[in-house]
Amino acid sequence: MAKYNVAQLLILLLNLGTLLISLACPYCPYPTPPSKPPKLPPKLPPKHPPKVKPPPHSPPKPPVVKPPPYVPKPPPSTPKPPVVHPPVIPKPPIVHLR
């Protein structure tokens, strides 16, 4: 119980100190607003970025294609016809008439 009594005594002393200060100075001097507002730079509207013109349109250049190195083509190969020998016809025997 003694702890509570000490706590109450401290709170009572704090309240009495506050009461004495308020009796010594019954009015509280409020801070007065400044007579002139602080000097600030003027507010300017936000700047828009400059308009950028698109580059002049030029037709796209075709890619450079290098021709392949010249390689001669082989001659066209056509199948040769088979060699056909004429048929061998035996000569008739010569008959001598006397």
PDB file of N, CA and C in Angstrom:
ATOM      1  N   MET A   1       0.821  -1.184   0.000  1.00  0.00           N
ATOM      2  CA  MET A   1       0.000   0.000   0.000  1.00  0.00           C
ATOM      3  C   MET A   1       0.867   1.250   0.000  1.00  0.00           C
ATOM      4  N   ALA A   2       2.063   1.119   0.570  1.00  0.00           N
ATOM      5  CA  ALA A   2       2.943   2.281   0.654  1.00  0.00           C
ATOM      6  C   ALA A   2       3.377   2.718  -0.744  1.00  0.00           C
ATOM      7  N   LYS A   3       3.526   1.740  -1.670  1.00  0.00           N
ATOM      8  CA  LYS A   3       3.927   2.096  -3.040  1.00  0.00           C
ATOM      9  C   LYS A   3       2.869   2.984  -3.684  1.00  0.00           C
ATOM     10  N   TYR A   4       1.621   2.671  -3.463  1.00  0.00           N
ATOM     11  CA  TYR A   4       0.545   3.477  -4.046  1.00  0.00           C
ATOM     12  C   TYR A   4       0.520   4.875  -3.452  1.00  0.00           C
ATOM     13  N   ASN A   5       0.806   4.968  -2.154  1.00  0.00           N
ATOM     14  CA  ASN A   5       0.818   6.286  -1.505  1.00  0.00           C
ATOM     15  C   ASN A   5       1.935   7.151  -2.082  1.00  0.00           C
ATOM     16  N   VAL A   6       3.097   6.549  -2.369  1.00  0.00           N
ATOM     17  CA  VAL A   6       4.220   7.312  -2.932  1.00  0.00           C
ATOM     18  C   VAL A   6       3.856   7.774  -4.337  1.00  0.00           C
ATOM     19  N   ALA A   7       3.220   6.914  -5.116  1.00  0.00           N
ATOM     20  CA  ALA A   7       2.830   7.280  -6.474  1.00  0.00           C
ATOM     21  C   ALA A   7       1.816   8.409  -6.446  1.00  0.00           C
ATOM     22  N   GLN A   8       0.856   8.350  -5.532  1.00  0.00           N
ATOM     23  CA  GLN A   8      -0.147   9.418  -5.441  1.00  0.00           C
ATOM     24  C   GLN A   8       0.488  10.728  -5.003  1.00  0.00           C
ATOM     25  N   LEU A   9       1.472  10.662  -4.125  1.00  0.00           N
ATOM     26  CA  LEU A   9       2.152  11.872  -3.667  1.00  0.00           C
ATOM     27  C   LEU A   9       2.905  12.535  -4.818  1.00  0.00           C
ATOM     28  N   LEU A  10       3.577  11.728  -5.651  1.00  0.00           N
ATOM     29  CA  LEU A  10       4.299  12.289  -6.801  1.00  0.00           C
ATOM     30  C   LEU A  10       3.335  12.954  -7.786  1.00  0.00           C
ATOM     31  N   ILE A  11       2.225  12.334  -8.051  1.00  0.00           N
ATOM     32  CA  ILE A  11       1.238  12.919  -8.967  1.00  0.00           C
ATOM     33  C   ILE A  11       0.673  14.204  -8.384  1.00  0.00           C
ATOM     34  N   LEU A  12       0.417  14.231  -7.093  1.00  0.00           N
ATOM     35  CA  LEU A  12      -0.111  15.434  -6.440  1.00  0.00           C
ATOM     36  C   LEU A  12       0.896  16.577  -6.516  1.00  0.00           C
ATOM     37  N   LEU A  13       2.192  16.284  -6.298  1.00  0.00           N
ATOM     38  CA  LEU A  13       3.221  17.326  -6.380  1.00  0.00           C
ATOM     39  C   LEU A  13       3.332  17.871  -7.806  1.00  0.00           C
ATOM     40  N   LEU A  14       3.223  16.992  -8.790  1.00  0.00           N
ATOM     41  CA  LEU A  14       3.284  17.431 -10.186  1.00  0.00           C
ATOM     42  C   LEU A  14       2.111  18.350 -10.505  1.00  0.00           C
ATOM     43  N   ASN A  15       0.944  17.980 -10.041  1.00  0.00           N
ATOM     44  CA  ASN A  15      -0.234  18.818 -10.280  1.00  0.00           C
ATOM     45  C   ASN A  15      -0.117  20.160  -9.565  1.00  0.00           C
ATOM     46  N   LEU A  16       0.453  20.160  -8.367  1.00  0.00           N
ATOM     47  CA  LEU A  16       0.607  21.426  -7.636  1.00  0.00           C
ATOM     48  C   LEU A  16       1.604  22.337  -8.354  1.00  0.00           C
ATOM     49  N   GLY A  17       2.680  21.744  -8.922  1.00  0.00           N
ATOM     50  CA  GLY A  17       3.647  22.557  -9.666  1.00  0.00           C
ATOM     51  C   GLY A  17       3.004  23.190 -10.885  1.00  0.00           C
ATOM     52  N   THR A  18       2.168  22.455 -11.550  1.00  0.00           N
ATOM     53  CA  THR A  18       1.475  22.989 -12.722  1.00  0.00           C
ATOM     54  C   THR A  18       0.500  24.080 -12.301  1.00  0.00           C
ATOM     55  N   LEU A  19      -0.152  23.896 -11.160  1.00  0.00           N
ATOM     56  CA  LEU A  19      -1.103  24.903 -10.660  1.00  0.00           C
ATOM     57  C   LEU A  19      -0.383  26.198 -10.313  1.00  0.00           C
ATOM     58  N   LEU A  20       0.792  26.095  -9.672  1.00  0.00           N
ATOM     59  CA  LEU A  20       1.547  27.303  -9.317  1.00  0.00           C
ATOM     60  C   LEU A  20       1.976  28.072 -10.571  1.00  0.00           C
ATOM     61  N   ILE A  21       2.423  27.357 -11.608  1.00  0.00           N
ATOM     62  CA  ILE A  21       2.850  28.032 -12.842  1.00  0.00           C
ATOM     63  C   ILE A  21       1.661  28.739 -13.478  1.00  0.00           C
ATOM     64  N   SER A  22       0.500  28.101 -13.512  1.00  0.00           N
ATOM     65  CA  SER A  22      -0.661  28.728 -14.146  1.00  0.00           C
ATOM     66  C   SER A  22      -1.162  29.919 -13.334  1.00  0.00           C
ATOM     67  N   LEU A  23      -0.970  29.912 -12.000  1.00  0.00           N
ATOM     68  CA  LEU A  23      -1.373  31.072 -11.198  1.00  0.00           C
ATOM     69  C   LEU A  23      -0.396  32.232 -11.396  1.00  0.00           C
ATOM     70  N   ALA A  24       0.896  31.910 -11.582  1.00  0.00           N
ATOM     71  CA  ALA A  24       1.882  32.973 -11.765  1.00  0.00           C
ATOM     72  C   ALA A  24       1.687  33.656 -13.119  1.00  0.00           C
ATOM     73  N   CYS A  25       1.286  32.922 -14.117  1.00  0.00           N
ATOM     74  CA  CYS A  25       1.092  33.482 -15.465  1.00  0.00           C
ATOM     75  C   CYS A  25      -0.282  33.029 -15.935  1.00  0.00           C
ATOM     76  N   PRO A  26      -1.353  33.783 -15.611  1.00  0.00           N
ATOM     77  CA  PRO A  26      -2.703  33.306 -15.906  1.00  0.00           C
ATOM     78  C   PRO A  26      -3.026  33.243 -17.406  1.00  0.00           C
ATOM     79  N   TYR A  27      -2.340  34.033 -18.204  1.00  0.00           N
ATOM     80  CA  TYR A  27      -2.619  33.981 -19.649  1.00  0.00           C
ATOM     81  C   TYR A  27      -1.425  33.335 -20.348  1.00  0.00           C
ATOM     82  N   CYS A  28      -1.698  32.595 -21.328  1.00  0.00           N
ATOM     83  CA  CYS A  28      -0.623  31.929 -22.072  1.00  0.00           C
ATOM     84  C   CYS A  28      -0.347  32.745 -23.321  1.00  0.00           C
ATOM     85  N   PRO A  29       0.856  33.235 -23.440  1.00  0.00           N
ATOM     86  CA  PRO A  29       1.144  33.999 -24.663  1.00  0.00           C
ATOM     87  C   PRO A  29       1.266  33.046 -25.856  1.00  0.00           C
ATOM     88  N   TYR A  30       0.329  33.181 -26.751  1.00  0.00           N
ATOM     89  CA  TYR A  30       0.366  32.347 -27.950  1.00  0.00           C
ATOM     90  C   TYR A  30       1.395  32.928 -28.914  1.00  0.00           C
ATOM     91  N   PRO A  31       2.034  32.121 -29.661  1.00  0.00           N
ATOM     92  CA  PRO A  31       2.986  32.671 -30.625  1.00  0.00           C
ATOM     93  C   PRO A  31       2.237  33.476 -31.686  1.00  0.00           C
ATOM     94  N   THR A  32       2.724  34.672 -31.938  1.00  0.00           N
ATOM     95  CA  THR A  32       2.050  35.534 -32.915  1.00  0.00           C
ATOM     96  C   THR A  32       2.491  35.125 -34.316  1.00  0.00           C
ATOM     97  N   PRO A  33       1.573  35.187 -35.251  1.00  0.00           N
ATOM     98  CA  PRO A  33       1.971  34.846 -36.615  1.00  0.00           C
ATOM     99  C   PRO A  33       2.889  35.928 -37.169  1.00  0.00           C
ATOM    100  N   PRO A  34       3.769  35.603 -38.053  1.00  0.00           N
ATOM    101  CA  PRO A  34       4.667  36.618 -38.596  1.00  0.00           C
ATOM    102  C   PRO A  34       3.881  37.668 -39.380  1.00  0.00           C
ATOM    103  N   SER A  35       4.384  38.905 -39.333  1.00  0.00           N
ATOM    104  CA  SER A  35       3.658  39.993 -39.992  1.00  0.00           C
ATOM    105  C   SER A  35       3.720  39.853 -41.510  1.00  0.00           C
ATOM    106  N   LYS A  36       4.844  39.387 -42.048  1.00  0.00           N
ATOM    107  CA  LYS A  36       4.958  39.203 -43.491  1.00  0.00           C
ATOM    108  C   LYS A  36       5.203  37.717 -43.760  1.00  0.00           C
ATOM    109  N   PRO A  37       4.581  37.213 -44.773  1.00  0.00           N
ATOM    110  CA  PRO A  37       4.851  35.806 -45.092  1.00  0.00           C
ATOM    111  C   PRO A  37       6.283  35.666 -45.601  1.00  0.00           C
ATOM    112  N   PRO A  38       6.866  34.540 -45.412  1.00  0.00           N
ATOM    113  CA  PRO A  38       8.238  34.359 -45.892  1.00  0.00           C
ATOM    114  C   PRO A  38       8.291  34.500 -47.418  1.00  0.00           C
ATOM    115  N   LYS A  39       9.401  35.043 -47.880  1.00  0.00           N
ATOM    116  CA  LYS A  39       9.535  35.283 -49.313  1.00  0.00           C
ATOM    117  C   LYS A  39       9.850  33.955 -50.011  1.00  0.00           C
ATOM    118  N   LEU A  40       8.954  33.590 -50.909  1.00  0.00           N
ATOM    119  CA  LEU A  40       9.111  32.350 -51.659  1.00  0.00           C
ATOM    120  C   LEU A  40       9.184  32.679 -53.144  1.00  0.00           C
ATOM    121  N   PRO A  41       9.853  31.871 -53.915  1.00  0.00           N
ATOM    122  CA  PRO A  41       9.856  32.137 -55.358  1.00  0.00           C
ATOM    123  C   PRO A  41       8.451  31.945 -55.917  1.00  0.00           C
ATOM    124  N   PRO A  42       8.092  32.699 -56.946  1.00  0.00           N
ATOM    125  CA  PRO A  42       6.728  32.582 -57.484  1.00  0.00           C
ATOM    126  C   PRO A  42       6.496  31.188 -58.065  1.00  0.00           C
ATOM    127  N   LYS A  43       5.273  30.755 -57.904  1.00  0.00           N
ATOM    128  CA  LYS A  43       4.920  29.434 -58.425  1.00  0.00           C
ATOM    129  C   LYS A  43       4.687  29.560 -59.923  1.00  0.00           C
ATOM    130  N   LEU A  44       5.370  28.735 -60.669  1.00  0.00           N
ATOM    131  CA  LEU A  44       5.227  28.748 -62.120  1.00  0.00           C
ATOM    132  C   LEU A  44       4.488  27.485 -62.545  1.00  0.00           C
ATOM    133  N   PRO A  45       3.724  27.597 -63.625  1.00  0.00           N
ATOM    134  CA  PRO A  45       3.063  26.371 -64.093  1.00  0.00           C
ATOM    135  C   PRO A  45       4.129  25.372 -64.551  1.00  0.00           C
ATOM    136  N   PRO A  46       3.823  24.101 -64.471  1.00  0.00           N
ATOM    137  CA  PRO A  46       4.835  23.110 -64.860  1.00  0.00           C
ATOM    138  C   PRO A  46       5.177  23.249 -66.342  1.00  0.00           C
ATOM    139  N   LYS A  47       6.451  23.130 -66.637  1.00  0.00           N
ATOM    140  CA  LYS A  47       6.903  23.258 -68.020  1.00  0.00           C
ATOM    141  C   LYS A  47       6.611  21.963 -68.763  1.00  0.00           C
ATOM    142  N   HIS A  48       6.138  22.150 -69.977  1.00  0.00           N
ATOM    143  CA  HIS A  48       5.930  20.986 -70.827  1.00  0.00           C
ATOM    144  C   HIS A  48       7.239  20.691 -71.547  1.00  0.00           C
ATOM    145  N   PRO A  49       7.539  19.441 -71.761  1.00  0.00           N
ATOM    146  CA  PRO A  49       8.768  19.149 -72.508  1.00  0.00           C
ATOM    147  C   PRO A  49       8.626  19.656 -73.941  1.00  0.00           C
ATOM    148  N   PRO A  50       9.718  20.052 -74.564  1.00  0.00           N
ATOM    149  CA  PRO A  50       9.604  20.559 -75.933  1.00  0.00           C
ATOM    150  C   PRO A  50       9.138  19.456 -76.878  1.00  0.00           C
ATOM    151  N   LYS A  51       8.351  19.883 -77.865  1.00  0.00           N
ATOM    152  CA  LYS A  51       7.846  18.906 -78.817  1.00  0.00           C
ATOM    153  C   LYS A  51       8.984  18.491 -79.736  1.00  0.00           C
ATOM    154  N   VAL A  52       9.134  17.211 -79.899  1.00  0.00           N
ATOM    155  CA  VAL A  52      10.205  16.685 -80.734  1.00  0.00           C
ATOM    156  C   VAL A  52       9.590  16.260 -82.058  1.00  0.00           C
ATOM    157  N   LYS A  53      10.137  16.805 -83.144  1.00  0.00           N
ATOM    158  CA  LYS A  53       9.625  16.437 -84.457  1.00  0.00           C
ATOM    159  C   LYS A  53      10.201  15.076 -84.835  1.00  0.00           C
ATOM    160  N   PRO A  54       9.392  14.237 -85.451  1.00  0.00           N
ATOM    161  CA  PRO A  54       9.944  12.955 -85.885  1.00  0.00           C
ATOM    162  C   PRO A  54      10.920  13.191 -87.031  1.00  0.00           C
ATOM    163  N   PRO A  55      11.891  12.336 -87.199  1.00  0.00           N
ATOM    164  CA  PRO A  55      12.846  12.532 -88.288  1.00  0.00           C
ATOM    165  C   PRO A  55      12.143  12.399 -89.631  1.00  0.00           C
ATOM    166  N   PRO A  56      12.664  13.055 -90.667  1.00  0.00           N
ATOM    167  CA  PRO A  56      12.007  12.941 -91.977  1.00  0.00           C
ATOM    168  C   PRO A  56      12.003  11.487 -92.432  1.00  0.00           C
ATOM    169  N   HIS A  57      10.872  11.138 -93.012  1.00  0.00           N
ATOM    170  CA  HIS A  57      10.706   9.733 -93.407  1.00  0.00           C
ATOM    171  C   HIS A  57      11.460   9.474 -94.703  1.00  0.00           C
ATOM    172  N   SER A  58      12.284   8.487 -94.707  1.00  0.00           N
ATOM    173  CA  SER A  58      12.956   8.058 -95.931  1.00  0.00           C
ATOM    174  C   SER A  58      12.645   6.583 -96.114  1.00  0.00           C
ATOM    175  N   PRO A  59      12.507   6.157 -97.365  1.00  0.00           N
ATOM    176  CA  PRO A  59      12.163   4.742 -97.556  1.00  0.00           C
ATOM    177  C   PRO A  59      13.272   3.849 -97.021  1.00  0.00           C
ATOM    178  N   PRO A  60      12.904   2.730 -96.489  1.00  0.00           N
ATOM    179  CA  PRO A  60      13.936   1.852 -95.929  1.00  0.00           C
ATOM    180  C   PRO A  60      14.844   1.321 -97.038  1.00  0.00           C
ATOM    181  N   LYS A  61      16.103   1.243 -96.737  1.00  0.00           N
ATOM    182  CA  LYS A  61      17.065   0.742 -97.714  1.00  0.00           C
ATOM    183  C   LYS A  61      17.050  -0.782 -97.680  1.00  0.00           C
ATOM    184  N   PRO A  62      17.045  -1.397 -98.864  1.00  0.00           N
ATOM    185  CA  PRO A  62      17.076  -2.860 -98.853  1.00  0.00           C
ATOM    186  C   PRO A  62      18.436  -3.344 -98.372  1.00  0.00           C
ATOM    187  N   PRO A  63      18.478  -4.489 -97.774  1.00  0.00           N
ATOM    188  CA  PRO A  63      19.767  -4.986 -97.289  1.00  0.00           C
ATOM    189  C   PRO A  63      20.701  -5.294 -98.465  1.00  0.00           C
ATOM    190  N   VAL A  64      21.956  -5.082 -98.237  1.00  0.00           N
ATOM    191  CA  VAL A  64      22.951  -5.338 -99.278  1.00  0.00           C
ATOM    192  C   VAL A  64      23.166  -6.843 -99.359  1.00  0.00           C
ATOM    193  N   VAL A  65      22.932  -7.374-100.556  1.00  0.00           N
ATOM    194  CA  VAL A  65      23.090  -8.814-100.755  1.00  0.00           C
ATOM    195  C   VAL A  65      24.278  -9.008-101.682  1.00  0.00           C
ATOM    196  N   LYS A  66      25.281  -9.707-101.231  1.00  0.00           N
ATOM    197  CA  LYS A  66      26.450  -9.976-102.059  1.00  0.00           C
ATOM    198  C   LYS A  66      26.159 -11.216-102.899  1.00  0.00           C
ATOM    199  N   PRO A  67      26.448 -11.124-104.202  1.00  0.00           N
ATOM    200  CA  PRO A  67      26.205 -12.324-105.012  1.00  0.00           C
ATOM    201  C   PRO A  67      27.213 -13.409-104.641  1.00  0.00           C
ATOM    202  N   PRO A  68      26.810 -14.647-104.741  1.00  0.00           N
ATOM    203  CA  PRO A  68      27.749 -15.716-104.398  1.00  0.00           C
ATOM    204  C   PRO A  68      28.869 -15.773-105.439  1.00  0.00           C
ATOM    205  N   PRO A  69      30.012 -16.308-105.093  1.00  0.00           N
ATOM    206  CA  PRO A  69      31.091 -16.399-106.081  1.00  0.00           C
ATOM    207  C   PRO A  69      30.667 -17.257-107.273  1.00  0.00           C
ATOM    208  N   TYR A  70      31.202 -16.893-108.442  1.00  0.00           N
ATOM    209  CA  TYR A  70      30.804 -17.590-109.670  1.00  0.00           C
ATOM    210  C   TYR A  70      31.367 -19.010-109.673  1.00  0.00           C
ATOM    211  N   VAL A  71      30.489 -19.946-109.810  1.00  0.00           N
ATOM    212  CA  VAL A  71      30.885 -21.353-109.918  1.00  0.00           C
ATOM    213  C   VAL A  71      30.295 -21.846-111.233  1.00  0.00           C
ATOM    214  N   PRO A  72      31.150 -22.265-112.205  1.00  0.00           N
ATOM    215  CA  PRO A  72      30.576 -22.708-113.487  1.00  0.00           C
ATOM    216  C   PRO A  72      29.737 -23.963-113.295  1.00  0.00           C
ATOM    217  N   LYS A  73      28.661 -23.977-114.033  1.00  0.00           N
ATOM    218  CA  LYS A  73      27.772 -25.129-113.928  1.00  0.00           C
ATOM    219  C   LYS A  73      28.317 -26.258-114.806  1.00  0.00           C
ATOM    220  N   PRO A  74      28.175 -27.480-114.380  1.00  0.00           N
ATOM    221  CA  PRO A  74      28.607 -28.578-115.255  1.00  0.00           C
ATOM    222  C   PRO A  74      27.670 -28.658-116.461  1.00  0.00           C
ATOM    223  N   PRO A  75      28.173 -29.139-117.579  1.00  0.00           N
ATOM    224  CA  PRO A  75      27.300 -29.214-118.757  1.00  0.00           C
ATOM    225  C   PRO A  75      26.150 -30.172-118.478  1.00  0.00           C
ATOM    226  N   PRO A  76      25.032 -29.875-119.082  1.00  0.00           N
ATOM    227  CA  PRO A  76      23.912 -30.785-118.828  1.00  0.00           C
ATOM    228  C   PRO A  76      24.227 -32.180-119.375  1.00  0.00           C
ATOM    229  N   SER A  77      23.975 -33.125-118.602  1.00  0.00           N
ATOM    230  CA  SER A  77      24.292 -34.498-119.024  1.00  0.00           C
ATOM    231  C   SER A  77      23.011 -35.166-119.503  1.00  0.00           C
ATOM    232  N   THR A  78      23.055 -35.591-120.760  1.00  0.00           N
ATOM    233  CA  THR A  78      21.917 -36.333-121.299  1.00  0.00           C
ATOM    234  C   THR A  78      22.409 -37.751-121.567  1.00  0.00           C
ATOM    235  N   PRO A  79      21.622 -38.704-121.304  1.00  0.00           N
ATOM    236  CA  PRO A  79      22.104 -40.072-121.533  1.00  0.00           C
ATOM    237  C   PRO A  79      22.338 -40.324-123.037  1.00  0.00           C
ATOM    238  N   LYS A  80      23.465 -40.908-123.330  1.00  0.00           N
ATOM    239  CA  LYS A  80      23.782 -41.207-124.730  1.00  0.00           C
ATOM    240  C   LYS A  80      22.991 -42.449-125.157  1.00  0.00           C
ATOM    241  N   PRO A  81      22.567 -42.438-126.403  1.00  0.00           N
ATOM    242  CA  PRO A  81      21.850 -43.636-126.860  1.00  0.00           C
ATOM    243  C   PRO A  81      22.823 -44.816-126.988  1.00  0.00           C
ATOM    244  N   PRO A  82      22.342 -45.978-126.803  1.00  0.00           N
ATOM    245  CA  PRO A  82      23.251 -47.127-126.908  1.00  0.00           C
ATOM    246  C   PRO A  82      23.766 -47.297-128.351  1.00  0.00           C
ATOM    247  N   VAL A  83      24.956 -47.783-128.413  1.00  0.00           N
ATOM    248  CA  VAL A  83      25.562 -48.006-129.731  1.00  0.00           C
ATOM    249  C   VAL A  83      24.912 -49.244-130.344  1.00  0.00           C
ATOM    250  N   VAL A  84      24.332 -49.027-131.499  1.00  0.00           N
ATOM    251  CA  VAL A  84      23.662 -50.143-132.179  1.00  0.00           C
ATOM    252  C   VAL A  84      24.461 -50.441-133.460  1.00  0.00           C
ATOM    253  N   HIS A  85      25.002 -51.638-133.561  1.00  0.00           N
ATOM    254  CA  HIS A  85      25.736 -52.049-134.772  1.00  0.00           C
ATOM    255  C   HIS A  85      24.731 -52.619-135.777  1.00  0.00           C
ATOM    256  N   PRO A  86      24.995 -52.372-137.046  1.00  0.00           N
ATOM    257  CA  PRO A  86      24.059 -52.955-138.027  1.00  0.00           C
ATOM    258  C   PRO A  86      24.138 -54.490-137.996  1.00  0.00           C
ATOM    259  N   PRO A  87      23.077 -55.094-138.303  1.00  0.00           N
ATOM    260  CA  PRO A  87      23.108 -56.560-138.246  1.00  0.00           C
ATOM    261  C   PRO A  87      24.023 -57.134-139.365  1.00  0.00           C
ATOM    262  N   VAL A  88      24.609 -58.165-138.999  1.00  0.00           N
ATOM    263  CA  VAL A  88      25.498 -58.823-139.968  1.00  0.00           C
ATOM    264  C   VAL A  88      24.631 -59.751-140.832  1.00  0.00           C
ATOM    265  N   ILE A  89      24.606 -59.421-142.106  1.00  0.00           N
ATOM    266  CA  ILE A  89      23.817 -60.255-143.026  1.00  0.00           C
ATOM    267  C   ILE A  89      24.838 -61.049-143.886  1.00  0.00           C
ATOM    268  N   PRO A  90      24.780 -62.334-143.836  1.00  0.00           N
ATOM    269  CA  PRO A  90      25.732 -63.091-144.646  1.00  0.00           C
ATOM    270  C   PRO A  90      25.416 -62.936-146.153  1.00  0.00           C
ATOM    271  N   LYS A  91      26.482 -62.840-146.916  1.00  0.00           N
ATOM    272  CA  LYS A  91      26.297 -62.690-148.357  1.00  0.00           C
ATOM    273  C   LYS A  91      25.913 -64.071-148.928  1.00  0.00           C
ATOM    274  N   PRO A  92      25.090 -64.034-149.899  1.00  0.00           N
ATOM    275  CA  PRO A  92      24.742 -65.331-150.486  1.00  0.00           C
ATOM    276  C   PRO A  92      25.952 -65.894-151.282  1.00  0.00           C
ATOM    277  N   PRO A  93      26.032 -67.126-151.308  1.00  0.00           N
ATOM    278  CA  PRO A  93      27.167 -67.698-152.049  1.00  0.00           C
ATOM    279  C   PRO A  93      27.060 -67.382-153.563  1.00  0.00           C
ATOM    280  N   ILE A  94      28.199 -67.186-154.126  1.00  0.00           N
ATOM    281  CA  ILE A  94      28.219 -66.887-155.565  1.00  0.00           C
ATOM    282  C   ILE A  94      28.175 -68.245-156.322  1.00  0.00           C
ATOM    283  N   VAL A  95      27.245 -68.303-157.141  1.00  0.00           N
ATOM    284  CA  VAL A  95      27.102 -69.541-157.928  1.00  0.00           C
ATOM    285  C   VAL A  95      27.513 -69.198-159.378  1.00  0.00           C
ATOM    286  N   HIS A  96      28.490 -70.035-159.957  1.00  0.00           N
ATOM    287  CA  HIS A  96      28.952 -69.785-161.318  1.00  0.00           C
ATOM    288  C   HIS A  96      28.190 -70.707-162.257  1.00  0.00           C
ATOM    289  N   LEU A  97      27.661 -70.208-163.201  1.00  0.00           N
ATOM    290  CA  LEU A  97      26.929 -70.996-164.187  1.00  0.00           C
ATOM    291  C   LEU A  97      27.815 -71.187-165.427  1.00  0.00           C
ATOM    292  N   ARG A  98      27.931 -72.418-165.807  1.00  0.00           N
ATOM    293  CA  ARG A  98      28.729 -72.710-166.968  1.00  0.00           C
ATOM    294  C   ARG A  98      27.932 -73.218-168.071  1.00  0.00           C
TER     295      ARG A  98
END
